[in-house]
Amino acid sequence: MIEKISKAAVLDFHLALRFSVASEYAQFYLYAKQRQKGYDGMGELATIKEEFRDVFDKVIEYCKEKEYISEVMAYDIDLIADEVKRL
């Protein structure tokens, strides 16, 4: 799914902007997740994760409207963050 979105973003400026923001959120989330120790910061990490999910949901919604991707089933936001990081 991430590969399809990133390929479509090359040709769609609005998608590229949305995907860029989602990439920044993914990086911030992964950094916060790495730095989190035990229960310290769990609330902040959960908030960052939800913010990332909200931003990524908007990317998916836009892609579905433009028919870049078909219906999306449930996804693991942690795996999405890892995939975005690899790009």
N, C-alpha and C. Protein backbone atom coordinates (compact mmCIF):
# COMPACT_ATOMS: atom_id res chain seq x y z
N MET A 1 0.82 -1.19 0.00
CA MET A 1 0.00 0.00 0.00
C MET A 1 0.87 1.26 0.00
N ILE A 2 1.90 1.29 0.82
CA ILE A 2 2.77 2.47 0.90
C ILE A 2 3.46 2.69 -0.43
N GLU A 3 3.87 1.62 -1.08
CA GLU A 3 4.54 1.75 -2.37
C GLU A 3 3.61 2.39 -3.41
N LYS A 4 2.35 1.95 -3.45
CA LYS A 4 1.38 2.53 -4.37
C LYS A 4 1.17 4.02 -4.10
N ILE A 5 1.06 4.35 -2.82
CA ILE A 5 0.85 5.75 -2.44
C ILE A 5 2.05 6.60 -2.82
N SER A 6 3.25 6.11 -2.55
CA SER A 6 4.45 6.91 -2.87
C SER A 6 4.62 7.09 -4.37
N LYS A 7 4.25 6.07 -5.15
CA LYS A 7 4.32 6.21 -6.62
C LYS A 7 3.30 7.22 -7.12
N ALA A 8 2.11 7.19 -6.56
CA ALA A 8 1.08 8.15 -6.96
C ALA A 8 1.46 9.57 -6.55
N ALA A 9 2.17 9.70 -5.44
CA ALA A 9 2.56 11.02 -4.94
C ALA A 9 3.52 11.73 -5.88
N VAL A 10 4.24 10.97 -6.68
CA VAL A 10 5.17 11.57 -7.64
C VAL A 10 4.41 12.42 -8.66
N LEU A 11 3.21 12.00 -8.99
CA LEU A 11 2.42 12.69 -10.02
C LEU A 11 1.33 13.58 -9.46
N ASP A 12 1.10 13.56 -8.15
CA ASP A 12 0.02 14.32 -7.54
C ASP A 12 0.60 15.20 -6.43
N PHE A 13 0.66 16.49 -6.68
CA PHE A 13 1.25 17.43 -5.73
C PHE A 13 0.54 17.41 -4.38
N HIS A 14 -0.80 17.37 -4.39
CA HIS A 14 -1.56 17.40 -3.15
C HIS A 14 -1.31 16.13 -2.32
N LEU A 15 -1.23 15.01 -3.00
CA LEU A 15 -0.91 13.77 -2.31
C LEU A 15 0.52 13.82 -1.78
N ALA A 16 1.42 14.36 -2.54
CA ALA A 16 2.82 14.47 -2.11
C ALA A 16 2.92 15.28 -0.81
N LEU A 17 2.16 16.36 -0.72
CA LEU A 17 2.17 17.15 0.51
C LEU A 17 1.63 16.36 1.69
N ARG A 18 0.49 15.69 1.47
CA ARG A 18 -0.10 14.89 2.54
C ARG A 18 0.84 13.76 2.98
N PHE A 19 1.44 13.11 2.00
CA PHE A 19 2.34 12.00 2.31
C PHE A 19 3.60 12.50 3.02
N SER A 20 4.06 13.67 2.66
CA SER A 20 5.22 14.26 3.32
C SER A 20 4.93 14.52 4.80
N VAL A 21 3.76 15.05 5.08
CA VAL A 21 3.36 15.30 6.47
C VAL A 21 3.24 13.97 7.22
N ALA A 22 2.63 12.98 6.59
CA ALA A 22 2.51 11.66 7.22
C ALA A 22 3.89 11.06 7.49
N SER A 23 4.82 11.27 6.59
CA SER A 23 6.19 10.76 6.78
C SER A 23 6.85 11.41 7.99
N GLU A 24 6.64 12.70 8.15
CA GLU A 24 7.20 13.40 9.31
C GLU A 24 6.59 12.87 10.60
N TYR A 25 5.29 12.67 10.60
CA TYR A 25 4.63 12.10 11.78
C TYR A 25 5.16 10.71 12.07
N ALA A 26 5.37 9.90 11.03
CA ALA A 26 5.89 8.55 11.21
C ALA A 26 7.27 8.59 11.86
N GLN A 27 8.12 9.47 11.38
CA GLN A 27 9.47 9.57 11.94
C GLN A 27 9.42 10.02 13.40
N PHE A 28 8.57 10.99 13.68
CA PHE A 28 8.44 11.49 15.05
C PHE A 28 7.89 10.39 15.96
N TYR A 29 6.90 9.66 15.47
CA TYR A 29 6.32 8.56 16.26
C TYR A 29 7.36 7.48 16.53
N LEU A 30 8.11 7.08 15.51
CA LEU A 30 9.12 6.04 15.70
C LEU A 30 10.21 6.49 16.67
N TYR A 31 10.58 7.75 16.59
CA TYR A 31 11.59 8.28 17.51
C TYR A 31 11.05 8.26 18.94
N ALA A 32 9.83 8.73 19.13
CA ALA A 32 9.22 8.75 20.46
C ALA A 32 9.07 7.33 21.01
N LYS A 33 8.71 6.40 20.15
CA LYS A 33 8.55 5.00 20.55
C LYS A 33 9.89 4.41 21.00
N GLN A 34 10.94 4.76 20.29
CA GLN A 34 12.28 4.28 20.62
C GLN A 34 12.76 4.85 21.96
N ARG A 35 12.43 6.11 22.22
CA ARG A 35 12.89 6.79 23.42
C ARG A 35 12.06 6.46 24.66
N GLN A 36 10.87 5.95 24.48
CA GLN A 36 9.96 5.66 25.58
C GLN A 36 10.49 4.50 26.39
N LYS A 37 10.51 4.65 27.70
CA LYS A 37 11.01 3.61 28.59
C LYS A 37 9.94 3.27 29.62
N GLY A 38 9.61 2.01 29.70
CA GLY A 38 8.63 1.58 30.68
C GLY A 38 7.31 2.31 30.52
N TYR A 39 6.74 2.73 31.63
CA TYR A 39 5.47 3.44 31.59
C TYR A 39 5.64 4.95 31.45
N ASP A 40 6.86 5.43 31.60
CA ASP A 40 7.11 6.86 31.46
C ASP A 40 6.81 7.30 30.02
N GLY A 41 5.97 8.27 29.88
CA GLY A 41 5.68 8.81 28.57
C GLY A 41 4.67 8.01 27.76
N MET A 42 4.01 7.04 28.36
CA MET A 42 3.04 6.22 27.62
C MET A 42 1.90 7.07 27.07
N GLY A 43 1.44 8.05 27.86
CA GLY A 43 0.34 8.91 27.41
C GLY A 43 0.74 9.75 26.21
N GLU A 44 1.95 10.31 26.26
CA GLU A 44 2.44 11.10 25.15
C GLU A 44 2.61 10.24 23.90
N LEU A 45 3.14 9.04 24.08
CA LEU A 45 3.35 8.14 22.95
C LEU A 45 2.01 7.76 22.32
N ALA A 46 1.02 7.50 23.14
CA ALA A 46 -0.31 7.16 22.63
C ALA A 46 -0.90 8.33 21.85
N THR A 47 -0.68 9.54 22.33
CA THR A 47 -1.18 10.73 21.64
C THR A 47 -0.50 10.89 20.29
N ILE A 48 0.81 10.73 20.27
CA ILE A 48 1.57 10.85 19.02
C ILE A 48 1.12 9.79 18.02
N LYS A 49 0.90 8.58 18.52
CA LYS A 49 0.45 7.48 17.66
C LYS A 49 -0.91 7.81 17.04
N GLU A 50 -1.82 8.34 17.84
CA GLU A 50 -3.15 8.70 17.32
C GLU A 50 -3.07 9.84 16.32
N GLU A 51 -2.20 10.80 16.57
CA GLU A 51 -2.02 11.90 15.62
C GLU A 51 -1.49 11.36 14.29
N PHE A 52 -0.53 10.46 14.36
CA PHE A 52 0.00 9.84 13.14
C PHE A 52 -1.10 9.07 12.42
N ARG A 53 -1.89 8.31 13.16
CA ARG A 53 -2.98 7.54 12.55
C ARG A 53 -3.98 8.49 11.86
N ASP A 54 -4.30 9.60 12.50
CA ASP A 54 -5.24 10.55 11.91
C ASP A 54 -4.70 11.13 10.60
N VAL A 55 -3.43 11.48 10.60
CA VAL A 55 -2.80 12.04 9.39
C VAL A 55 -2.76 10.98 8.30
N PHE A 56 -2.40 9.75 8.65
CA PHE A 56 -2.32 8.70 7.65
C PHE A 56 -3.71 8.33 7.12
N ASP A 57 -4.71 8.37 7.98
CA ASP A 57 -6.09 8.13 7.53
C ASP A 57 -6.51 9.14 6.47
N LYS A 58 -6.07 10.38 6.61
CA LYS A 58 -6.38 11.41 5.62
C LYS A 58 -5.69 11.12 4.29
N VAL A 59 -4.48 10.59 4.35
CA VAL A 59 -3.76 10.18 3.13
C VAL A 59 -4.54 9.07 2.44
N ILE A 60 -4.96 8.09 3.20
CA ILE A 60 -5.72 6.97 2.63
C ILE A 60 -7.04 7.45 2.05
N GLU A 61 -7.73 8.31 2.76
CA GLU A 61 -9.01 8.85 2.28
C GLU A 61 -8.81 9.58 0.94
N TYR A 62 -7.77 10.39 0.85
CA TYR A 62 -7.48 11.11 -0.39
C TYR A 62 -7.18 10.12 -1.52
N CYS A 63 -6.39 9.10 -1.22
CA CYS A 63 -6.03 8.10 -2.23
C CYS A 63 -7.26 7.33 -2.71
N LYS A 64 -8.17 7.03 -1.82
CA LYS A 64 -9.39 6.34 -2.23
C LYS A 64 -10.27 7.24 -3.09
N GLU A 65 -10.35 8.53 -2.74
CA GLU A 65 -11.13 9.48 -3.55
C GLU A 65 -10.57 9.58 -4.97
N LYS A 66 -9.26 9.57 -5.07
CA LYS A 66 -8.60 9.69 -6.38
C LYS A 66 -8.43 8.34 -7.07
N GLU A 67 -8.86 7.28 -6.38
CA GLU A 67 -8.78 5.91 -6.90
C GLU A 67 -7.35 5.44 -7.15
N TYR A 68 -6.43 5.91 -6.30
CA TYR A 68 -5.05 5.41 -6.35
C TYR A 68 -4.97 4.04 -5.68
N ILE A 69 -5.83 3.84 -4.68
CA ILE A 69 -5.92 2.56 -4.00
C ILE A 69 -7.39 2.21 -3.86
N SER A 70 -7.65 0.91 -3.71
CA SER A 70 -9.03 0.47 -3.51
C SER A 70 -9.32 0.45 -2.01
N GLU A 71 -10.40 -0.17 -1.63
CA GLU A 71 -10.76 -0.24 -0.22
C GLU A 71 -9.60 -0.76 0.62
N VAL A 72 -9.42 -0.17 1.75
CA VAL A 72 -8.34 -0.54 2.66
C VAL A 72 -8.95 -1.22 3.88
N MET A 73 -8.45 -2.37 4.18
CA MET A 73 -8.87 -3.06 5.40
C MET A 73 -8.11 -2.45 6.58
N ALA A 74 -8.31 -2.99 7.73
CA ALA A 74 -7.58 -2.53 8.91
C ALA A 74 -6.08 -2.68 8.67
N TYR A 75 -5.32 -1.79 9.24
CA TYR A 75 -3.87 -1.84 9.08
C TYR A 75 -3.19 -1.58 10.41
N ASP A 76 -1.97 -2.03 10.53
CA ASP A 76 -1.18 -1.85 11.74
C ASP A 76 -0.35 -0.58 11.55
N ILE A 77 -0.62 0.42 12.36
CA ILE A 77 0.04 1.72 12.21
C ILE A 77 1.54 1.61 12.47
N ASP A 78 1.96 0.66 13.31
CA ASP A 78 3.39 0.47 13.55
C ASP A 78 4.08 -0.04 12.28
N LEU A 79 3.45 -0.97 11.58
CA LEU A 79 4.03 -1.46 10.33
C LEU A 79 4.06 -0.36 9.26
N ILE A 80 3.01 0.45 9.23
CA ILE A 80 2.97 1.57 8.29
C ILE A 80 4.11 2.53 8.57
N ALA A 81 4.35 2.85 9.83
CA ALA A 81 5.43 3.76 10.20
C ALA A 81 6.78 3.19 9.74
N ASP A 82 6.98 1.90 9.94
CA ASP A 82 8.23 1.27 9.51
C ASP A 82 8.38 1.32 8.00
N GLU A 83 7.30 1.08 7.27
CA GLU A 83 7.35 1.13 5.80
C GLU A 83 7.65 2.53 5.31
N VAL A 84 7.02 3.52 5.90
CA VAL A 84 7.25 4.91 5.50
C VAL A 84 8.70 5.29 5.76
N LYS A 85 9.23 4.84 6.88
CA LYS A 85 10.63 5.15 7.24
C LYS A 85 11.60 4.61 6.19
N ARG A 86 11.29 3.44 5.63
CA ARG A 86 12.20 2.80 4.66
C ARG A 86 12.24 3.53 3.32
N LEU A 87 11.26 4.37 3.05
CA LEU A 87 11.24 5.08 1.76
C LEU A 87 12.25 6.19 1.69
